[in-house]
N, C-alpha and C. Protein backbone atom coordinates (compact mmCIF):
# COMPACT_ATOMS: atom_id res chain seq x y z
N MET A 1 114.33 114.93 82.75
CA MET A 1 113.84 115.54 82.05
C MET A 1 112.17 115.33 82.88
N ASP A 2 112.01 116.49 83.38
CA ASP A 2 110.46 115.84 84.32
C ASP A 2 109.60 115.97 83.28
N GLU A 3 108.42 115.37 83.87
CA GLU A 3 106.77 115.26 82.97
C GLU A 3 105.94 116.54 83.54
N GLU A 4 105.39 116.96 82.85
CA GLU A 4 104.35 117.94 83.51
C GLU A 4 103.17 117.13 83.78
N ILE A 5 102.96 117.51 85.27
CA ILE A 5 101.73 117.24 85.59
C ILE A 5 100.74 117.32 85.40
N SER A 6 99.52 117.18 85.27
CA SER A 6 98.40 117.61 84.82
C SER A 6 97.67 118.00 86.38
N PRO A 7 96.75 119.15 86.46
CA PRO A 7 96.58 119.38 87.41
C PRO A 7 95.57 118.74 88.48
N LYS A 8 94.87 117.63 87.64
CA LYS A 8 93.96 116.91 88.09
C LYS A 8 94.66 116.33 88.95
N MET A 9 95.79 115.52 88.32
CA MET A 9 96.98 114.38 88.87
C MET A 9 97.93 115.04 90.04
N GLN A 10 98.16 116.13 90.18
CA GLN A 10 98.91 117.54 91.41
C GLN A 10 97.61 116.73 92.50
N GLU A 11 96.29 117.18 92.05
CA GLU A 11 95.53 117.47 93.32
C GLU A 11 95.57 116.09 93.70
N TYR A 12 95.42 114.69 92.97
CA TYR A 12 95.31 113.38 93.64
C TYR A 12 96.37 113.36 94.63
N LEU A 13 97.66 113.75 94.37
CA LEU A 13 98.69 113.80 94.67
C LEU A 13 98.97 114.58 95.94
N GLU A 14 98.70 115.50 95.36
CA GLU A 14 98.59 116.53 97.27
C GLU A 14 97.41 115.08 98.46
N LYS A 15 96.47 114.86 97.48
CA LYS A 15 95.17 114.91 98.43
C LYS A 15 95.68 113.12 99.22
N VAL A 16 96.68 112.24 98.39
CA VAL A 16 97.24 110.99 99.23
C VAL A 16 98.56 111.40 99.97
N GLU A 17 98.75 112.19 99.47
CA GLU A 17 100.19 112.39 100.55
C GLU A 17 99.89 113.42 102.14
N ARG A 18 98.54 114.14 101.95
CA ARG A 18 97.98 114.29 103.20
C ARG A 18 97.32 113.74 103.62
N GLU A 19 96.84 112.67 103.43
CA GLU A 19 96.33 111.45 104.07
C GLU A 19 97.58 110.83 104.68
N LEU A 20 98.47 110.45 103.47
CA LEU A 20 99.93 109.74 104.66
C LEU A 20 100.37 110.44 105.75
N ALA A 21 100.13 111.40 105.66
CA ALA A 21 100.94 112.54 106.54
C ALA A 21 100.84 112.00 107.78
N ARG A 22 99.24 111.70 107.79
CA ARG A 22 98.44 111.53 109.20
C ARG A 22 98.45 110.10 109.88
N TYR A 23 99.42 109.43 108.89
CA TYR A 23 99.78 108.09 109.70
C TYR A 23 101.29 108.14 110.07
N GLU A 24 102.27 107.05 111.35
CA GLU A 24 103.32 107.45 111.55
C GLU A 24 103.45 105.70 111.93
N HIS A 25 104.61 104.78 111.76
CA HIS A 25 104.83 103.52 112.10
C HIS A 25 106.49 103.36 112.09
N PRO A 26 106.66 102.49 113.15
CA PRO A 26 108.03 102.43 113.63
C PRO A 26 108.83 101.45 112.63
N LEU A 27 107.76 100.76 111.83
CA LEU A 27 109.04 100.05 110.81
C LEU A 27 108.69 100.53 109.44
N PHE A 28 107.63 101.11 109.12
CA PHE A 28 107.79 101.73 108.06
C PHE A 28 107.33 103.13 107.47
N ASP A 29 107.86 103.45 105.90
CA ASP A 29 108.04 104.74 105.53
C ASP A 29 106.92 104.58 104.23
N TRP A 30 106.43 105.61 103.77
CA TRP A 30 105.76 105.60 102.32
C TRP A 30 105.83 107.11 101.52
N GLN A 31 105.74 106.59 100.09
CA GLN A 31 105.60 107.71 99.66
C GLN A 31 104.84 107.76 98.52
N ALA A 32 104.42 108.89 97.93
CA ALA A 32 103.04 109.12 97.08
C ALA A 32 103.84 109.69 95.36
N TYR A 33 103.40 108.78 94.54
CA TYR A 33 104.36 108.88 93.05
C TYR A 33 102.76 109.40 92.07
N THR A 34 103.14 110.09 91.41
CA THR A 34 101.98 109.88 89.89
C THR A 34 101.72 108.61 89.40
N ALA A 35 101.37 108.29 89.05
CA ALA A 35 101.01 106.79 87.85
C ALA A 35 99.71 106.87 86.98
N GLU A 36 100.29 107.18 86.63
CA GLU A 36 99.10 107.90 85.37
C GLU A 36 98.26 105.94 85.32
N PRO A 37 96.70 106.19 85.52
CA PRO A 37 95.56 107.11 85.25
C PRO A 37 95.38 107.55 86.73
N GLY A 38 96.14 107.07 88.14
CA GLY A 38 95.86 107.49 89.87
C GLY A 38 97.56 107.79 90.13
N ILE A 39 97.48 107.21 91.25
CA ILE A 39 98.52 107.13 92.52
C ILE A 39 99.28 106.13 92.71
N GLU A 40 100.41 106.00 93.04
CA GLU A 40 101.09 105.07 93.36
C GLU A 40 101.44 105.58 94.70
N VAL A 41 101.53 104.91 95.56
CA VAL A 41 101.82 104.71 96.91
C VAL A 41 102.88 103.36 96.98
N CYS A 42 104.06 103.71 97.44
CA CYS A 42 105.22 102.79 97.58
C CYS A 42 105.55 102.58 99.48
N VAL A 43 105.73 101.54 99.65
CA VAL A 43 105.77 101.65 101.47
C VAL A 43 106.91 100.47 101.45
N PHE A 44 108.14 101.32 102.50
CA PHE A 44 109.16 100.93 102.36
C PHE A 44 109.46 100.37 104.22
N LEU A 45 110.20 99.17 103.95
CA LEU A 45 110.61 99.36 105.24
C LEU A 45 111.99 100.34 106.28
N LYS A 46 111.71 100.24 107.35
CA LYS A 46 112.81 101.84 107.60
C LYS A 46 114.33 101.38 107.50
N TYR A 47 114.10 99.91 107.79
CA TYR A 47 115.96 99.47 107.99
C TYR A 47 116.22 98.19 107.11
N SER A 48 117.12 98.58 106.09
CA SER A 48 118.05 98.28 104.75
C SER A 48 118.37 96.88 105.36
N GLY A 49 118.35 95.98 104.67
CA GLY A 49 118.89 94.66 104.64
C GLY A 49 118.23 93.74 105.06
N ILE A 50 116.76 94.20 105.71
CA ILE A 50 116.20 92.93 106.01
C ILE A 50 115.52 92.70 104.66
N HIS A 51 114.29 93.52 104.50
CA HIS A 51 113.58 93.04 102.97
C HIS A 51 113.69 93.92 102.50
N ASP A 52 114.96 94.24 101.40
CA ASP A 52 114.37 96.30 100.51
C ASP A 52 113.56 96.08 99.37
N ASP A 53 112.56 95.32 99.17
CA ASP A 53 112.07 95.69 98.00
C ASP A 53 110.75 96.42 98.97
N PRO A 54 110.59 97.69 98.13
CA PRO A 54 108.79 97.87 98.56
C PRO A 54 107.76 97.77 98.25
N TYR A 55 106.93 97.91 99.15
CA TYR A 55 105.51 97.50 98.28
C TYR A 55 104.91 98.31 98.02
N ARG A 56 104.23 98.73 96.35
CA ARG A 56 103.23 99.71 95.88
C ARG A 56 102.23 98.97 95.93
N PHE A 57 101.11 100.09 95.87
CA PHE A 57 99.60 99.71 94.99
C PHE A 57 99.18 100.95 95.01
N GLN A 58 98.55 100.38 94.00
CA GLN A 58 97.86 102.05 92.62
C GLN A 58 96.41 102.34 93.52
N ILE A 59 96.18 103.47 93.72
CA ILE A 59 94.86 103.96 94.18
C ILE A 59 94.26 104.70 92.54
N THR A 60 93.48 104.63 92.01
CA THR A 60 92.65 104.55 91.13
C THR A 60 92.49 106.08 91.36
N PRO A 61 91.33 107.05 90.42
CA PRO A 61 90.79 107.88 90.05
C PRO A 61 89.69 107.90 91.37
N ARG A 62 88.61 106.87 91.03
CA ARG A 62 87.77 106.42 91.24
C ARG A 62 87.38 106.66 93.01
N GLU A 63 88.18 105.92 93.22
CA GLU A 63 88.88 105.92 94.48
C GLU A 63 88.67 106.90 95.26
N LEU A 64 89.94 107.98 94.57
CA LEU A 64 90.46 109.04 95.01
C LEU A 64 89.31 110.42 95.67
N GLU A 65 88.06 109.98 94.51
CA GLU A 65 87.00 110.87 94.06
C GLU A 65 85.76 110.43 95.25
N ALA A 66 85.81 109.05 95.49
CA ALA A 66 85.11 108.71 96.46
C ALA A 66 84.95 109.49 98.07
N GLN A 67 83.94 109.55 98.49
CA GLN A 67 83.28 110.79 99.36
C GLN A 67 83.60 110.36 101.00
N ALA A 68 84.20 108.58 100.78
CA ALA A 68 84.36 108.11 102.07
C ALA A 68 86.09 107.70 101.81
N PHE A 69 87.08 108.45 101.03
CA PHE A 69 88.08 108.20 100.53
C PHE A 69 89.21 107.82 101.98
N GLU A 70 88.80 108.76 103.11
CA GLU A 70 89.84 108.39 103.98
C GLU A 70 89.84 107.47 104.57
N TRP A 71 88.50 106.73 104.93
CA TRP A 71 87.79 105.27 105.02
C TRP A 71 88.52 104.27 104.38
N ASP A 72 88.48 104.41 103.12
CA ASP A 72 88.83 103.35 102.04
C ASP A 72 90.15 103.30 102.11
N PHE A 73 90.92 104.56 102.24
CA PHE A 73 92.78 104.53 102.26
C PHE A 73 93.10 103.82 103.57
N GLN A 74 92.36 104.22 104.65
CA GLN A 74 92.88 103.37 105.79
C GLN A 74 93.05 101.70 105.55
N ARG A 75 91.64 101.77 105.15
CA ARG A 75 91.39 100.08 105.02
C ARG A 75 92.23 99.94 104.29
N GLN A 76 92.77 100.51 102.94
CA GLN A 76 93.12 99.98 101.55
C GLN A 76 95.15 99.83 102.53
N LEU A 77 95.40 100.86 102.89
CA LEU A 77 97.13 100.88 103.71
C LEU A 77 96.84 99.55 104.61
N TYR A 78 96.14 99.62 105.78
CA TYR A 78 96.09 98.66 106.82
C TYR A 78 96.54 96.97 105.80
N ASN A 79 95.04 96.81 104.73
CA ASN A 79 95.11 95.38 103.72
C ASN A 79 96.52 95.35 103.56
N TYR A 80 97.33 96.58 102.49
CA TYR A 80 98.46 96.24 102.28
C TYR A 80 99.49 95.99 103.23
N LEU A 81 99.75 97.02 104.18
CA LEU A 81 100.63 96.75 105.06
C LEU A 81 100.50 95.13 105.50
N HIS A 82 99.45 94.32 105.64
CA HIS A 82 99.48 93.15 105.94
C HIS A 82 99.84 92.01 105.29
N ASP A 83 99.48 92.21 103.64
CA ASP A 83 100.27 91.90 102.71
C ASP A 83 101.71 92.10 102.62
N TYR A 84 102.18 93.17 102.88
CA TYR A 84 103.79 93.12 102.81
C TYR A 84 104.60 92.34 103.53
N LEU A 85 103.96 92.36 105.13
CA LEU A 85 104.53 91.36 106.44
C LEU A 85 104.60 90.64 105.57
N VAL A 86 103.48 89.73 105.48
CA VAL A 86 103.46 88.25 105.13
C VAL A 86 104.69 87.85 103.65
N GLU A 87 104.60 89.16 102.60
CA GLU A 87 105.69 88.56 101.62
C GLU A 87 106.78 88.12 102.40
N MET A 88 106.88 89.01 103.48
CA MET A 88 108.60 88.63 103.69
C MET A 88 108.80 87.32 104.54
N PHE A 89 107.46 86.44 104.82
CA PHE A 89 108.37 85.28 105.10
C PHE A 89 109.23 84.53 104.67
N THR A 90 110.58 84.71 105.15
CA THR A 90 111.33 83.45 104.72
C THR A 90 111.28 82.47 104.34
N ARG A 91 110.72 81.37 104.94
CA ARG A 91 109.91 80.21 105.23
C ARG A 91 108.32 79.90 106.31
N SER A 92 107.33 79.07 105.24
CA SER A 92 106.07 79.20 105.77
C SER A 92 105.73 78.20 104.87
N PRO A 93 104.85 77.51 105.37
CA PRO A 93 104.24 75.34 104.71
C PRO A 93 103.94 76.02 103.26
N HIS A 94 103.85 77.05 102.71
CA HIS A 94 103.62 77.51 101.63
C HIS A 94 104.37 78.06 100.46
N ILE A 95 105.80 77.96 100.94
CA ILE A 95 106.51 78.33 100.54
C ILE A 95 107.53 77.00 100.08
N ARG A 96 107.48 77.23 98.56
CA ARG A 96 108.46 75.35 98.57
C ARG A 96 109.58 75.84 98.60
N GLU A 97 110.20 74.54 99.49
CA GLU A 97 112.19 75.06 99.25
C GLU A 97 112.84 74.04 98.06
């Protein structure tokens, strides 16, 4: 059963989808979903079998309404992609074996 999305949430979703469409990366795909109270972005590695867990982050209504949303979004996306790559380490001095 599909839940109905409020007009504001639909507006937020479309805003994030438009912003995501401006980016392309050879290793990652992404998709946006409504997730009260804002939008969730899921980042997926394009190649299966290496690291199949998506990376998820939330964008709040306050962030979506900010005048500098595009710049803030870019900073967030780059920071989260960095975090996602770091999470893929299978061995490092900070991982207990």
